[in-house]
Amino acid sequence: MSIQTASDGHILFVTIDRPEARNAISIAMGEELIEVWRGFADDPDLRVAILTGAGNKAFCAGADLKEVGSWYASMTPEQRREHAETQPGLGGITRNLDPGKPIVAAINGTCLAGGLELALACDLRIAAEHATFGLPEVKWGLMPGAGGTQRLPRAIPEATAMEMLLTGDPIDAERALQAGLVSAVVPAHKLMDSAVDVASRIARSAPLATKAVHKAVREGRHLPLDEALRVEQHTAEPLRQTEDVQEGLLAFREKRQPEFKGR
């Protein structure tokens, strides 16, 4: 049970590899993921990542509750508060860690609890036809604690989000598509090809521009429009001074594909 990584060109592939436990994330796996995302952020050759689960039954069932529950119970309230405020959350990217680059979730089965919260922290979500999505924590006397109560109502209509959060009942892939939780639903055997196609199109774009768009969206989406427009302008202006912009404009005039260098 571990986190598997591989790269192909500018794309990083990250696989949660614990299919016998529906790809639930242990403490050690969580630490692995944190290092993976930090390495992704620091590697200039990597422009986009694809996150998926091993096998064809589960994307991720969230945290390993037996292990994580015992660890959490051993902490004092002050230690829990400090950890939540300073350390990366479940899977690394749910709190306090943003690689600053796009991540595509290829959802290959059940996507529940912290697994859905991890998918919500990604930028794009593509689902296999048999995928299901849910935040069942209330059924166990808990509540989503890795962003579910905040990201889900921002990602889909509030009525649907509240139904999922308050009942704990899952929805299927088709309803997830209708709600806008995922951008596409495809046959299971086409899932990775579809994710690679999207990631490849992202990777072909100028990397500095992609990061700038990512930054502007993430920083501005919860601000009032006038403040968000200032974030956009402050992000766009430095981009206009880059070599990639000059190459892009020259390639447009010469009717060829640009060759971006990330500078």
Protein backbone atom coordinates (compact mmCIF):
# COMPACT_ATOMS: atom_id res chain seq x y z
CA MET A 1 0.00 0.00 0.00
CA SER A 2 1.58 3.22 -1.14
CA ILE A 3 1.43 6.16 -3.46
CA GLN A 4 2.66 5.40 -6.96
CA THR A 5 4.01 8.14 -9.21
CA ALA A 6 5.19 8.32 -12.79
CA SER A 7 5.69 11.07 -15.32
CA ASP A 8 5.30 11.34 -19.07
CA GLY A 9 6.52 14.57 -20.58
CA HIS A 10 4.98 17.42 -18.60
CA ILE A 11 2.34 15.23 -16.89
CA LEU A 12 2.67 13.71 -13.42
CA PHE A 13 0.60 10.59 -12.68
CA VAL A 14 -0.28 9.97 -9.03
CA THR A 15 -2.04 6.74 -8.01
CA ILE A 16 -3.43 5.94 -4.58
CA ASP A 17 -2.48 2.27 -4.48
CA ARG A 18 -4.41 0.45 -1.78
CA PRO A 19 -7.29 -1.21 -3.63
CA GLU A 20 -7.90 -3.84 -0.93
CA ALA A 21 -9.01 -0.99 1.36
CA ARG A 22 -10.83 1.00 -1.32
CA ASN A 23 -7.72 3.19 -1.54
CA ALA A 24 -8.22 4.59 1.96
CA ILE A 25 -5.32 6.84 2.95
CA SER A 26 -3.19 5.82 5.92
CA ILE A 27 -1.05 8.28 7.86
CA ALA A 28 2.08 7.15 5.99
CA MET A 29 0.33 7.49 2.63
CA GLY A 30 -0.81 10.97 3.58
CA GLU A 31 2.79 11.93 4.28
CA GLU A 32 3.81 10.46 0.92
CA LEU A 33 1.18 12.54 -0.85
CA ILE A 34 2.38 15.71 0.83
CA GLU A 35 5.89 15.10 -0.50
CA VAL A 36 4.53 14.24 -3.95
CA TRP A 37 2.63 17.53 -4.19
CA ARG A 38 5.57 19.54 -2.92
CA GLY A 39 7.80 17.89 -5.51
CA PHE A 40 5.20 18.61 -8.19
CA ALA A 41 5.14 22.27 -7.19
CA ASP A 42 8.93 22.54 -7.32
CA ASP A 43 9.53 20.73 -10.62
CA PRO A 44 9.43 23.22 -13.53
CA ASP A 45 9.10 20.41 -16.08
CA LEU A 46 5.81 19.18 -14.60
CA ARG A 47 2.84 21.28 -15.67
CA VAL A 48 -0.22 19.21 -14.73
CA ALA A 49 -1.00 16.14 -12.61
CA ILE A 50 -3.53 13.33 -12.86
CA LEU A 51 -4.72 11.79 -9.58
CA THR A 52 -6.50 8.42 -9.57
CA GLY A 53 -6.96 5.27 -7.51
CA ALA A 54 -5.69 1.77 -8.18
CA GLY A 55 -8.13 -0.81 -9.50
CA ASN A 56 -11.59 -0.20 -10.89
CA LYS A 57 -13.75 -0.10 -7.76
CA ALA A 58 -12.67 2.96 -5.79
CA PHE A 59 -11.03 6.31 -6.34
CA CYS A 60 -10.59 6.82 -2.61
CA ALA A 61 -12.67 6.07 0.46
CA GLY A 62 -10.99 8.83 2.45
CA ALA A 63 -8.86 8.43 5.54
CA ASP A 64 -8.19 5.09 7.18
CA LEU A 65 -10.53 5.82 10.09
CA LYS A 66 -9.17 3.13 12.41
CA GLU A 67 -5.61 4.42 12.16
CA VAL A 68 -6.30 8.14 11.80
CA GLY A 69 -9.01 8.04 14.47
CA SER A 70 -6.62 6.58 17.03
CA TRP A 71 -3.91 9.07 16.11
CA TYR A 72 -6.32 11.99 16.32
CA ALA A 73 -7.71 10.81 19.67
CA SER A 74 -4.18 10.78 21.11
CA MET A 75 -3.81 14.54 20.51
CA THR A 76 -4.88 17.29 22.86
CA PRO A 77 -7.43 19.85 21.62
CA GLU A 78 -4.60 22.38 21.30
CA GLN A 79 -2.52 19.98 19.23
CA ARG A 80 -5.47 19.26 16.94
CA ARG A 81 -6.10 22.96 16.44
CA GLU A 82 -2.45 23.68 15.67
CA HIS A 83 -2.27 20.76 13.26
CA ALA A 84 -5.38 21.91 11.40
CA GLU A 85 -4.08 25.46 11.10
CA THR A 86 -0.52 24.67 10.00
CA GLN A 87 -0.29 21.22 8.40
CA PRO A 88 -1.51 20.02 4.99
CA GLY A 89 -4.85 18.23 5.16
CA LEU A 90 -5.97 14.82 3.98
CA GLY A 91 -4.12 13.83 0.84
CA GLY A 92 -1.95 16.92 1.10
CA ILE A 93 -4.03 19.34 -0.96
CA THR A 94 -7.24 19.68 1.03
CA ARG A 95 -5.74 22.32 3.33
CA ASN A 96 -2.57 24.43 3.66
CA LEU A 97 -0.86 23.12 0.51
CA ASP A 98 -1.53 24.34 -3.03
CA PRO A 99 0.97 23.18 -5.68
CA GLY A 100 -0.08 26.12 -7.86
CA LYS A 101 -0.61 23.87 -10.89
CA PRO A 102 -3.68 22.09 -12.28
CA ILE A 103 -4.63 18.65 -10.97
CA VAL A 104 -7.10 16.41 -12.82
CA ALA A 105 -8.95 13.78 -10.77
CA ALA A 106 -9.69 10.60 -12.76
CA ILE A 107 -12.43 9.08 -10.61
CA ASN A 108 -12.51 5.35 -11.24
CA GLY A 109 -15.15 4.20 -8.74
CA THR A 110 -16.52 5.13 -5.33
CA CYS A 111 -15.43 8.59 -4.21
CA LEU A 112 -16.53 8.94 -0.63
CA ALA A 113 -15.85 11.01 2.48
CA GLY A 114 -12.27 12.28 2.38
CA GLY A 115 -11.96 10.82 -1.11
CA LEU A 116 -14.56 13.25 -2.38
CA GLU A 117 -12.92 16.06 -0.41
CA LEU A 118 -9.63 15.19 -2.11
CA ALA A 119 -11.33 15.21 -5.53
CA LEU A 120 -12.94 18.56 -4.71
CA ALA A 121 -9.47 19.99 -4.05
CA CYS A 122 -8.51 19.10 -7.63
CA ASP A 123 -9.21 21.50 -10.49
CA LEU A 124 -10.98 19.14 -12.88
CA ARG A 125 -12.85 15.91 -12.27
CA ILE A 126 -13.59 13.21 -14.85
CA ALA A 127 -15.62 10.18 -13.78
CA ALA A 128 -16.10 6.64 -14.95
CA GLU A 129 -19.75 5.70 -15.54
CA HIS A 130 -19.88 3.53 -12.42
CA ALA A 131 -18.43 6.18 -10.08
CA THR A 132 -20.41 7.34 -7.07
CA PHE A 133 -19.90 10.39 -4.86
CA GLY A 134 -20.81 10.98 -1.25
CA LEU A 135 -20.01 12.56 2.10
CA PRO A 136 -21.52 10.05 4.54
CA GLU A 137 -19.87 11.40 7.70
CA VAL A 138 -23.15 12.39 9.40
CA LYS A 139 -24.15 8.74 9.39
CA TRP A 140 -21.17 8.03 11.67
CA GLY A 141 -21.74 11.00 13.99
CA LEU A 142 -19.03 13.01 12.23
CA MET A 143 -18.90 15.84 9.72
CA PRO A 144 -16.65 16.37 6.70
CA GLY A 145 -13.47 17.94 8.02
CA ALA A 146 -11.25 18.19 4.96
CA GLY A 147 -13.14 20.85 3.05
CA GLY A 148 -16.37 19.05 2.20
CA THR A 149 -18.75 21.52 3.86
CA GLN A 150 -17.00 24.42 2.14
CA ARG A 151 -15.95 23.17 -1.28
CA LEU A 152 -19.02 21.12 -2.19
CA PRO A 153 -21.53 24.02 -1.93
CA ARG A 154 -19.12 26.12 -4.00
CA ALA A 155 -18.82 23.42 -6.68
CA ILE A 156 -22.48 22.47 -7.19
CA PRO A 157 -25.94 23.95 -6.50
CA GLU A 158 -26.43 24.50 -2.78
CA ALA A 159 -29.60 22.43 -2.64
CA THR A 160 -27.83 19.37 -4.01
CA ALA A 161 -24.82 19.95 -1.78
CA MET A 162 -26.98 20.27 1.34
CA GLU A 163 -28.88 17.11 0.46
CA MET A 164 -25.59 15.21 0.17
CA LEU A 165 -24.12 16.72 3.34
CA LEU A 166 -27.19 16.35 5.57
CA THR A 167 -28.38 12.91 4.46
CA GLY A 168 -24.97 11.40 3.77
CA ASP A 169 -26.47 9.66 0.75
CA PRO A 170 -24.34 9.29 -2.40
CA ILE A 171 -25.14 10.35 -5.95
CA ASP A 172 -24.24 8.56 -9.14
CA ALA A 173 -22.01 9.80 -11.95
CA GLU A 174 -24.86 11.04 -14.12
CA ARG A 175 -26.28 13.21 -11.36
CA ALA A 176 -22.75 14.43 -10.55
CA LEU A 177 -22.41 15.51 -14.18
CA GLN A 178 -25.78 17.28 -14.17
CA ALA A 179 -24.80 19.12 -10.98
CA GLY A 180 -21.43 20.18 -12.39
CA LEU A 181 -19.40 18.17 -9.89
CA VAL A 182 -17.57 16.49 -12.79
CA SER A 183 -16.84 17.79 -16.28
CA ALA A 184 -17.30 14.48 -18.07
CA VAL A 185 -18.53 10.92 -17.54
CA VAL A 186 -16.94 8.25 -19.71
CA PRO A 187 -16.84 4.44 -19.95
CA ALA A 188 -14.41 3.00 -17.42
CA HIS A 189 -11.99 1.77 -20.08
CA LYS A 190 -11.72 5.27 -21.50
CA LEU A 191 -11.22 7.10 -18.20
CA MET A 192 -7.43 7.45 -18.21
CA ASP A 193 -7.34 8.25 -21.93
CA SER A 194 -9.84 11.04 -21.30
CA ALA A 195 -7.84 12.36 -18.35
CA VAL A 196 -4.61 12.24 -20.35
CA ASP A 197 -6.28 14.07 -23.23
CA VAL A 198 -7.34 16.93 -20.95
CA ALA A 199 -3.98 17.01 -19.17
CA SER A 200 -2.11 17.02 -22.49
CA ARG A 201 -4.11 19.99 -23.71
CA ILE A 202 -3.31 21.82 -20.49
CA ALA A 203 0.37 20.90 -20.76
CA ARG A 204 0.59 22.31 -24.29
CA SER A 205 -0.39 25.76 -23.05
CA ALA A 206 2.17 28.23 -21.74
CA PRO A 207 3.10 27.01 -18.23
CA LEU A 208 3.41 30.49 -16.73
CA ALA A 209 0.03 31.44 -18.16
CA THR A 210 -1.53 28.24 -16.83
CA LYS A 211 -0.15 28.92 -13.36
CA ALA A 212 -1.34 32.52 -13.53
CA VAL A 213 -4.88 31.47 -14.46
CA HIS A 214 -4.83 28.87 -11.70
CA LYS A 215 -3.69 31.50 -9.18
CA ALA A 216 -6.21 34.12 -10.27
CA VAL A 217 -9.13 31.72 -10.10
CA ARG A 218 -8.17 30.28 -6.71
CA GLU A 219 -7.47 33.64 -5.10
CA GLY A 220 -10.36 35.51 -6.66
CA ARG A 221 -13.30 33.16 -6.73
CA HIS A 222 -14.51 33.93 -3.21
CA LEU A 223 -13.88 37.68 -3.32
CA PRO A 224 -16.31 40.41 -4.34
CA LEU A 225 -16.06 41.04 -8.07
CA ASP A 226 -14.18 44.33 -7.82
CA GLU A 227 -11.53 42.77 -5.57
CA ALA A 228 -11.32 39.67 -7.77
CA LEU A 229 -10.75 41.83 -10.85
CA ARG A 230 -7.82 43.46 -9.09
CA VAL A 231 -6.38 40.02 -8.36
CA GLU A 232 -6.75 39.19 -12.05
CA GLN A 233 -5.03 42.40 -13.17
CA HIS A 234 -2.16 42.04 -10.69
CA THR A 235 -1.63 38.47 -11.88
CA ALA A 236 -1.89 39.28 -15.59
CA GLU A 237 0.49 42.22 -15.70
CA PRO A 238 3.75 40.38 -14.87
CA LEU A 239 2.80 37.69 -17.38
CA ARG A 240 2.85 40.23 -20.21
CA GLN A 241 6.58 40.75 -19.65
CA THR A 242 7.58 37.09 -20.14
CA GLU A 243 9.43 35.51 -23.04
CA ASP A 244 6.57 33.04 -23.47
CA VAL A 245 4.19 35.86 -24.35
CA GLN A 246 6.56 37.08 -27.06
CA GLU A 247 6.88 33.55 -28.39
CA GLY A 248 3.13 33.07 -28.35
CA LEU A 249 2.48 36.27 -30.30
CA LEU A 250 5.23 35.45 -32.79
CA ALA A 251 3.87 31.94 -33.29
CA PHE A 252 0.39 33.37 -33.85
CA ARG A 253 1.72 35.68 -36.57
CA GLU A 254 3.75 32.88 -38.15
CA LYS A 255 0.82 30.44 -37.95
CA ARG A 256 2.75 27.76 -36.08
CA GLN A 257 2.64 26.06 -32.70
CA PRO A 258 4.49 28.06 -30.02
CA GLU A 259 7.44 26.56 -28.17
CA PHE A 260 7.04 27.70 -24.59
CA LYS A 261 10.02 27.66 -22.21
CA GLY A 262 8.34 28.72 -18.97
CA ARG A 263 10.19 32.02 -18.71
